[in-house]
PDB file of all heavy atoms in Angstrom:
ATOM      1  N   HIS A   1      31.956  33.691  -5.142  1.00  0.00           N
ATOM      2  CA  HIS A   1      30.769  34.524  -5.005  1.00  0.00           C
ATOM      3  C   HIS A   1      31.205  35.982  -5.056  1.00  0.00           C
ATOM      4  O   HIS A   1      32.214  36.375  -4.465  1.00  0.00           O
ATOM      5  CB  HIS A   1      30.061  34.257  -3.685  1.00  0.00           C
ATOM      6  CG  HIS A   1      29.558  32.853  -3.563  1.00  0.00           C
ATOM      7  ND1 HIS A   1      28.449  32.409  -4.250  1.00  0.00           N
ATOM      8  CD2 HIS A   1      30.022  31.785  -2.871  1.00  0.00           C
ATOM      9  CE1 HIS A   1      28.250  31.159  -3.954  1.00  0.00           C
ATOM     10  NE2 HIS A   1      29.195  30.739  -3.114  1.00  0.00           N
ATOM     11  N   SER A   2      30.439  36.800  -5.790  1.00  0.00           N
ATOM     12  CA  SER A   2      30.788  38.211  -5.883  1.00  0.00           C
ATOM     13  C   SER A   2      30.418  38.923  -4.582  1.00  0.00           C
ATOM     14  O   SER A   2      29.431  38.591  -3.931  1.00  0.00           O
ATOM     15  CB  SER A   2      30.068  38.862  -7.055  1.00  0.00           C
ATOM     16  OG  SER A   2      28.685  38.857  -6.867  1.00  0.00           O
ATOM     17  N   ILE A   3      31.249  39.891  -4.189  1.00  0.00           N
ATOM     18  CA  ILE A   3      30.993  40.654  -2.978  1.00  0.00           C
ATOM     19  C   ILE A   3      30.385  42.015  -3.300  1.00  0.00           C
ATOM     20  O   ILE A   3      30.030  42.757  -2.396  1.00  0.00           O
ATOM     21  CB  ILE A   3      32.263  40.821  -2.133  1.00  0.00           C
ATOM     22  CG1 ILE A   3      33.345  41.526  -2.916  1.00  0.00           C
ATOM     23  CG2 ILE A   3      32.738  39.484  -1.630  1.00  0.00           C
ATOM     24  CD1 ILE A   3      34.558  41.905  -2.082  1.00  0.00           C
ATOM     25  N   GLY A   4      30.284  42.350  -4.565  1.00  0.00           N
ATOM     26  CA  GLY A   4      29.690  43.624  -4.968  1.00  0.00           C
ATOM     27  C   GLY A   4      29.515  43.672  -6.469  1.00  0.00           C
ATOM     28  O   GLY A   4      30.099  42.893  -7.208  1.00  0.00           O
ATOM     29  N   SER A   5      28.686  44.583  -6.928  1.00  0.00           N
ATOM     30  CA  SER A   5      28.491  44.731  -8.370  1.00  0.00           C
ATOM     31  C   SER A   5      28.237  46.207  -8.668  1.00  0.00           C
ATOM     32  O   SER A   5      27.925  46.995  -7.784  1.00  0.00           O
ATOM     33  CB  SER A   5      27.318  43.895  -8.845  1.00  0.00           C
ATOM     34  OG  SER A   5      26.124  44.303  -8.221  1.00  0.00           O
ATOM     35  N   GLY A   6      28.411  46.554  -9.921  1.00  0.00           N
ATOM     36  CA  GLY A   6      28.219  47.942 -10.345  1.00  0.00           C
ATOM     37  C   GLY A   6      28.292  48.062 -11.838  1.00  0.00           C
ATOM     38  O   GLY A   6      28.306  47.063 -12.577  1.00  0.00           O
ATOM     39  N   THR A   7      28.365  49.299 -12.309  1.00  0.00           N
ATOM     40  CA  THR A   7      28.406  49.578 -13.730  1.00  0.00           C
ATOM     41  C   THR A   7      29.390  50.692 -13.995  1.00  0.00           C
ATOM     42  O   THR A   7      29.418  51.694 -13.278  1.00  0.00           O
ATOM     43  CB  THR A   7      27.011  49.981 -14.252  1.00  0.00           C
ATOM     44  OG1 THR A   7      26.073  48.972 -13.898  1.00  0.00           O
ATOM     45  CG2 THR A   7      27.007  50.151 -15.754  1.00  0.00           C
ATOM     46  N   ILE A   8      30.211  50.526 -15.033  1.00  0.00           N
ATOM     47  CA  ILE A   8      31.117  51.586 -15.513  1.00  0.00           C
ATOM     48  C   ILE A   8      30.541  52.102 -16.812  1.00  0.00           C
ATOM     49  O   ILE A   8      30.234  51.334 -17.718  1.00  0.00           O
ATOM     50  CB  ILE A   8      32.535  51.045 -15.732  1.00  0.00           C
ATOM     51  CG1 ILE A   8      33.140  50.550 -14.428  1.00  0.00           C
ATOM     52  CG2 ILE A   8      33.415  52.115 -16.359  1.00  0.00           C
ATOM     53  CD1 ILE A   8      34.517  49.939 -14.584  1.00  0.00           C
ATOM     54  N   SER A   9      30.378  53.425 -16.905  1.00  0.00           N
ATOM     55  CA  SER A   9      29.784  54.044 -18.098  1.00  0.00           C
ATOM     56  C   SER A   9      30.778  54.935 -18.792  1.00  0.00           C
ATOM     57  O   SER A   9      31.485  55.723 -18.159  1.00  0.00           O
ATOM     58  CB  SER A   9      28.549  54.867 -17.704  1.00  0.00           C
ATOM     59  OG  SER A   9      27.573  54.046 -17.155  1.00  0.00           O
ATOM     60  N   PHE A  10      30.878  54.801 -20.111  1.00  0.00           N
ATOM     61  CA  PHE A  10      31.693  55.666 -20.982  1.00  0.00           C
ATOM     62  C   PHE A  10      30.787  56.198 -22.065  1.00  0.00           C
ATOM     63  O   PHE A  10      30.614  55.572 -23.108  1.00  0.00           O
ATOM     64  CB  PHE A  10      32.840  54.889 -21.628  1.00  0.00           C
ATOM     65  CG  PHE A  10      33.823  54.319 -20.636  1.00  0.00           C
ATOM     66  CD1 PHE A  10      33.825  52.974 -20.325  1.00  0.00           C
ATOM     67  CD2 PHE A  10      34.758  55.137 -20.025  1.00  0.00           C
ATOM     68  CE1 PHE A  10      34.740  52.458 -19.439  1.00  0.00           C
ATOM     69  CE2 PHE A  10      35.664  54.617 -19.114  1.00  0.00           C
ATOM     70  CZ  PHE A  10      35.662  53.275 -18.831  1.00  0.00           C
ATOM     71  N   GLY A  11      30.182  57.335 -21.836  1.00  0.00           N
ATOM     72  CA  GLY A  11      29.284  57.904 -22.841  1.00  0.00           C
ATOM     73  C   GLY A  11      28.033  57.048 -23.003  1.00  0.00           C
ATOM     74  O   GLY A  11      27.243  56.879 -22.098  1.00  0.00           O
ATOM     75  N   LEU A  12      27.880  56.443 -24.192  1.00  0.00           N
ATOM     76  CA  LEU A  12      26.714  55.600 -24.465  1.00  0.00           C
ATOM     77  C   LEU A  12      26.980  54.118 -24.137  1.00  0.00           C
ATOM     78  O   LEU A  12      26.081  53.292 -24.296  1.00  0.00           O
ATOM     79  CB  LEU A  12      26.321  55.734 -25.931  1.00  0.00           C
ATOM     80  CG  LEU A  12      25.870  57.130 -26.368  1.00  0.00           C
ATOM     81  CD1 LEU A  12      25.623  57.160 -27.878  1.00  0.00           C
ATOM     82  CD2 LEU A  12      24.626  57.548 -25.617  1.00  0.00           C
ATOM     83  N   VAL A  13      28.185  53.796 -23.716  1.00  0.00           N
ATOM     84  CA  VAL A  13      28.543  52.403 -23.425  1.00  0.00           C
ATOM     85  C   VAL A  13      28.590  52.194 -21.915  1.00  0.00           C
ATOM     86  O   VAL A  13      29.260  52.946 -21.199  1.00  0.00           O
ATOM     87  CB  VAL A  13      29.913  52.043 -24.035  1.00  0.00           C
ATOM     88  CG1 VAL A  13      30.301  50.626 -23.692  1.00  0.00           C
ATOM     89  CG2 VAL A  13      29.894  52.254 -25.534  1.00  0.00           C
ATOM     90  N   SER A  14      27.892  51.194 -21.411  1.00  0.00           N
ATOM     91  CA  SER A  14      27.955  50.855 -19.996  1.00  0.00           C
ATOM     92  C   SER A  14      28.372  49.385 -19.862  1.00  0.00           C
ATOM     93  O   SER A  14      27.914  48.515 -20.590  1.00  0.00           O
ATOM     94  CB  SER A  14      26.620  51.097 -19.307  1.00  0.00           C
ATOM     95  OG  SER A  14      25.629  50.288 -19.878  1.00  0.00           O
ATOM     96  N   ILE A  15      29.306  49.143 -18.921  1.00  0.00           N
ATOM     97  CA  ILE A  15      29.888  47.818 -18.735  1.00  0.00           C
ATOM     98  C   ILE A  15      29.555  47.352 -17.325  1.00  0.00           C
ATOM     99  O   ILE A  15      29.954  48.002 -16.345  1.00  0.00           O
ATOM    100  CB  ILE A  15      31.407  47.828 -18.941  1.00  0.00           C
ATOM    101  CG1 ILE A  15      31.756  48.359 -20.328  1.00  0.00           C
ATOM    102  CG2 ILE A  15      32.008  46.434 -18.714  1.00  0.00           C
ATOM    103  CD1 ILE A  15      33.203  48.666 -20.505  1.00  0.00           C
ATOM    104  N   PRO A  16      28.823  46.222 -17.180  1.00  0.00           N
ATOM    105  CA  PRO A  16      28.543  45.715 -15.839  1.00  0.00           C
ATOM    106  C   PRO A  16      29.799  45.053 -15.268  1.00  0.00           C
ATOM    107  O   PRO A  16      30.549  44.369 -15.961  1.00  0.00           O
ATOM    108  CB  PRO A  16      27.436  44.678 -16.053  1.00  0.00           C
ATOM    109  CG  PRO A  16      27.565  44.278 -17.479  1.00  0.00           C
ATOM    110  CD  PRO A  16      28.153  45.445 -18.215  1.00  0.00           C
ATOM    111  N   ILE A  17      30.057  45.268 -13.958  1.00  0.00           N
ATOM    112  CA  ILE A  17      31.230  44.673 -13.302  1.00  0.00           C
ATOM    113  C   ILE A  17      30.784  43.993 -12.013  1.00  0.00           C
ATOM    114  O   ILE A  17      29.747  44.318 -11.446  1.00  0.00           O
ATOM    115  CB  ILE A  17      32.307  45.731 -12.988  1.00  0.00           C
ATOM    116  CG1 ILE A  17      31.760  46.814 -12.063  1.00  0.00           C
ATOM    117  CG2 ILE A  17      32.886  46.335 -14.259  1.00  0.00           C
ATOM    118  CD1 ILE A  17      32.816  47.680 -11.453  1.00  0.00           C
ATOM    119  N   ARG A  18      31.591  43.026 -11.567  1.00  0.00           N
ATOM    120  CA  ARG A  18      31.386  42.363 -10.282  1.00  0.00           C
ATOM    121  C   ARG A  18      32.716  42.285  -9.557  1.00  0.00           C
ATOM    122  O   ARG A  18      33.747  42.097 -10.174  1.00  0.00           O
ATOM    123  CB  ARG A  18      30.836  40.959 -10.471  1.00  0.00           C
ATOM    124  CG  ARG A  18      29.419  40.942 -10.973  1.00  0.00           C
ATOM    125  CD  ARG A  18      28.900  39.537 -10.979  1.00  0.00           C
ATOM    126  NE  ARG A  18      27.549  39.511 -11.523  1.00  0.00           N
ATOM    127  CZ  ARG A  18      26.966  38.456 -12.024  1.00  0.00           C
ATOM    128  NH1 ARG A  18      27.616  37.306 -12.052  1.00  0.00           N
ATOM    129  NH2 ARG A  18      25.745  38.531 -12.485  1.00  0.00           N
ATOM    130  N   LEU A  19      32.694  42.430  -8.231  1.00  0.00           N
ATOM    131  CA  LEU A  19      33.891  42.350  -7.407  1.00  0.00           C
ATOM    132  C   LEU A  19      33.992  40.972  -6.757  1.00  0.00           C
ATOM    133  O   LEU A  19      32.987  40.451  -6.244  1.00  0.00           O
ATOM    134  CB  LEU A  19      33.841  43.390  -6.296  1.00  0.00           C
ATOM    135  CG  LEU A  19      34.572  44.719  -6.536  1.00  0.00           C
ATOM    136  CD1 LEU A  19      34.018  45.436  -7.702  1.00  0.00           C
ATOM    137  CD2 LEU A  19      34.561  45.521  -5.281  1.00  0.00           C
ATOM    138  N   TYR A  20      35.180  40.385  -6.794  1.00  0.00           N
ATOM    139  CA  TYR A  20      35.454  39.100  -6.163  1.00  0.00           C
ATOM    140  C   TYR A  20      36.632  39.245  -5.224  1.00  0.00           C
ATOM    141  O   TYR A  20      37.487  40.094  -5.424  1.00  0.00           O
ATOM    142  CB  TYR A  20      35.778  38.029  -7.222  1.00  0.00           C
ATOM    143  CG  TYR A  20      34.620  37.704  -8.139  1.00  0.00           C
ATOM    144  CD1 TYR A  20      34.468  38.363  -9.344  1.00  0.00           C
ATOM    145  CD2 TYR A  20      33.696  36.753  -7.774  1.00  0.00           C
ATOM    146  CE1 TYR A  20      33.418  38.054 -10.190  1.00  0.00           C
ATOM    147  CE2 TYR A  20      32.644  36.434  -8.610  1.00  0.00           C
ATOM    148  CZ  TYR A  20      32.502  37.093  -9.813  1.00  0.00           C
ATOM    149  OH  TYR A  20      31.443  36.796 -10.640  1.00  0.00           O
ATOM    150  N   THR A  21      36.685  38.404  -4.199  1.00  0.00           N
ATOM    151  CA  THR A  21      37.833  38.436  -3.299  1.00  0.00           C
ATOM    152  C   THR A  21      39.053  37.887  -4.028  1.00  0.00           C
ATOM    153  O   THR A  21      38.943  37.006  -4.883  1.00  0.00           O
ATOM    154  CB  THR A  21      37.569  37.594  -2.047  1.00  0.00           C
ATOM    155  OG1 THR A  21      37.222  36.281  -2.442  1.00  0.00           O
ATOM    156  CG2 THR A  21      36.442  38.169  -1.222  1.00  0.00           C
ATOM    157  N   ALA A  22      40.225  38.414  -3.664  1.00  0.00           N
ATOM    158  CA  ALA A  22      41.446  38.024  -4.371  1.00  0.00           C
ATOM    159  C   ALA A  22      42.060  36.744  -3.803  1.00  0.00           C
ATOM    160  O   ALA A  22      42.778  36.041  -4.481  1.00  0.00           O
ATOM    161  CB  ALA A  22      42.474  39.144  -4.306  1.00  0.00           C
ATOM    162  N   ALA A  23      41.765  36.443  -2.566  1.00  0.00           N
ATOM    163  CA  ALA A  23      42.367  35.268  -1.935  1.00  0.00           C
ATOM    164  C   ALA A  23      41.306  34.196  -1.709  1.00  0.00           C
ATOM    165  O   ALA A  23      40.157  34.503  -1.406  1.00  0.00           O
ATOM    166  CB  ALA A  23      43.001  35.655  -0.596  1.00  0.00           C
ATOM    167  N   ALA A  24      41.699  32.963  -1.876  1.00  0.00           N
ATOM    168  CA  ALA A  24      40.796  31.835  -1.633  1.00  0.00           C
ATOM    169  C   ALA A  24      41.223  31.122  -0.373  1.00  0.00           C
ATOM    170  O   ALA A  24      42.407  30.959  -0.114  1.00  0.00           O
ATOM    171  CB  ALA A  24      40.812  30.872  -2.815  1.00  0.00           C
ATOM    172  N   SER A  25      40.258  30.710   0.427  1.00  0.00           N
ATOM    173  CA  SER A  25      40.603  29.969   1.622  1.00  0.00           C
ATOM    174  C   SER A  25      40.914  28.529   1.258  1.00  0.00           C
ATOM    175  O   SER A  25      40.228  27.926   0.442  1.00  0.00           O
ATOM    176  CB  SER A  25      39.475  30.031   2.634  1.00  0.00           C
ATOM    177  OG  SER A  25      38.320  29.433   2.087  1.00  0.00           O
ATOM    178  N   GLY A  26      41.929  28.003   1.840  1.00  0.00           N
ATOM    179  CA  GLY A  26      42.319  26.628   1.558  1.00  0.00           C
ATOM    180  C   GLY A  26      43.621  26.319   2.284  1.00  0.00           C
ATOM    181  O   GLY A  26      44.330  27.221   2.725  1.00  0.00           O
ATOM    182  N   GLY A  27      43.890  25.073   2.418  1.00  0.00           N
ATOM    183  CA  GLY A  27      45.093  24.679   3.137  1.00  0.00           C
ATOM    184  C   GLY A  27      46.135  24.093   2.211  1.00  0.00           C
ATOM    185  O   GLY A  27      45.837  23.654   1.113  1.00  0.00           O
ATOM    186  N   VAL A  28      47.351  24.108   2.662  1.00  0.00           N
ATOM    187  CA  VAL A  28      48.446  23.515   1.932  1.00  0.00           C
ATOM    188  C   VAL A  28      48.896  22.304   2.720  1.00  0.00           C
ATOM    189  O   VAL A  28      49.110  22.379   3.917  1.00  0.00           O
ATOM    190  CB  VAL A  28      49.625  24.521   1.779  1.00  0.00           C
ATOM    191  CG1 VAL A  28      50.798  23.866   1.091  1.00  0.00           C
ATOM    192  CG2 VAL A  28      49.164  25.739   1.025  1.00  0.00           C
ATOM    193  N   SER A  29      49.018  21.184   2.036  1.00  0.00           N
ATOM    194  CA  SER A  29      49.485  19.980   2.742  1.00  0.00           C
ATOM    195  C   SER A  29      50.767  19.487   2.069  1.00  0.00           C
ATOM    196  O   SER A  29      50.935  19.574   0.858  1.00  0.00           O
ATOM    197  CB  SER A  29      48.416  18.889   2.699  1.00  0.00           C
ATOM    198  OG  SER A  29      48.140  18.508   1.366  1.00  0.00           O
ATOM    199  N   PHE A  30      51.659  18.994   2.898  1.00  0.00           N
ATOM    200  CA  PHE A  30      52.933  18.481   2.413  1.00  0.00           C
ATOM    201  C   PHE A  30      53.067  17.012   2.799  1.00  0.00           C
ATOM    202  O   PHE A  30      52.459  16.567   3.778  1.00  0.00           O
ATOM    203  CB  PHE A  30      54.106  19.273   3.045  1.00  0.00           C
ATOM    204  CG  PHE A  30      54.131  20.711   2.632  1.00  0.00           C
ATOM    205  CD1 PHE A  30      53.626  21.693   3.468  1.00  0.00           C
ATOM    206  CD2 PHE A  30      54.661  21.079   1.423  1.00  0.00           C
ATOM    207  CE1 PHE A  30      53.651  23.018   3.099  1.00  0.00           C
ATOM    208  CE2 PHE A  30      54.688  22.410   1.032  1.00  0.00           C
ATOM    209  CZ  PHE A  30      54.174  23.389   1.879  1.00  0.00           C
ATOM    210  N   HIS A  31      53.856  16.279   2.033  1.00  0.00           N
ATOM    211  CA  HIS A  31      54.125  14.889   2.368  1.00  0.00           C
ATOM    212  C   HIS A  31      55.199  14.835   3.455  1.00  0.00           C
ATOM    213  O   HIS A  31      56.066  15.700   3.540  1.00  0.00           O
ATOM    214  CB  HIS A  31      54.634  14.125   1.139  1.00  0.00           C
ATOM    215  CG  HIS A  31      53.648  14.047   0.028  1.00  0.00           C
ATOM    216  ND1 HIS A  31      52.483  13.326   0.113  1.00  0.00           N
ATOM    217  CD2 HIS A  31      53.651  14.601  -1.200  1.00  0.00           C
ATOM    218  CE1 HIS A  31      51.812  13.440  -0.997  1.00  0.00           C
ATOM    219  NE2 HIS A  31      52.488  14.213  -1.829  1.00  0.00           N
ATOM    220  N   LEU A  32      55.114  13.810   4.298  1.00  0.00           N
ATOM    221  CA  LEU A  32      56.156  13.594   5.301  1.00  0.00           C
ATOM    222  C   LEU A  32      57.281  12.808   4.645  1.00  0.00           C
ATOM    223  O   LEU A  32      57.061  11.817   3.950  1.00  0.00           O
ATOM    224  CB  LEU A  32      55.602  12.804   6.495  1.00  0.00           C
ATOM    225  CG  LEU A  32      54.526  13.514   7.308  1.00  0.00           C
ATOM    226  CD1 LEU A  32      53.970  12.557   8.349  1.00  0.00           C
ATOM    227  CD2 LEU A  32      55.100  14.732   7.974  1.00  0.00           C
ATOM    228  N   LEU A  33      58.527  13.266   4.820  1.00  0.00           N
ATOM    229  CA  LEU A  33      59.682  12.642   4.206  1.00  0.00           C
ATOM    230  C   LEU A  33      60.660  12.163   5.250  1.00  0.00           C
ATOM    231  O   LEU A  33      60.802  12.781   6.321  1.00  0.00           O
ATOM    232  CB  LEU A  33      60.395  13.634   3.269  1.00  0.00           C
ATOM    233  CG  LEU A  33      59.565  14.224   2.154  1.00  0.00           C
ATOM    234  CD1 LEU A  33      60.401  15.241   1.376  1.00  0.00           C
ATOM    235  CD2 LEU A  33      59.023  13.163   1.227  1.00  0.00           C
TER     236      LEU A  33
END
């Protein structure tokens, strides 16, 4: 899910952007040896 949005403009060109978090929540599981 995006946490923010905006627009970058260069003269007559505008580019829509969205911000996302860089880290994902999740766990790491290992096998027992």
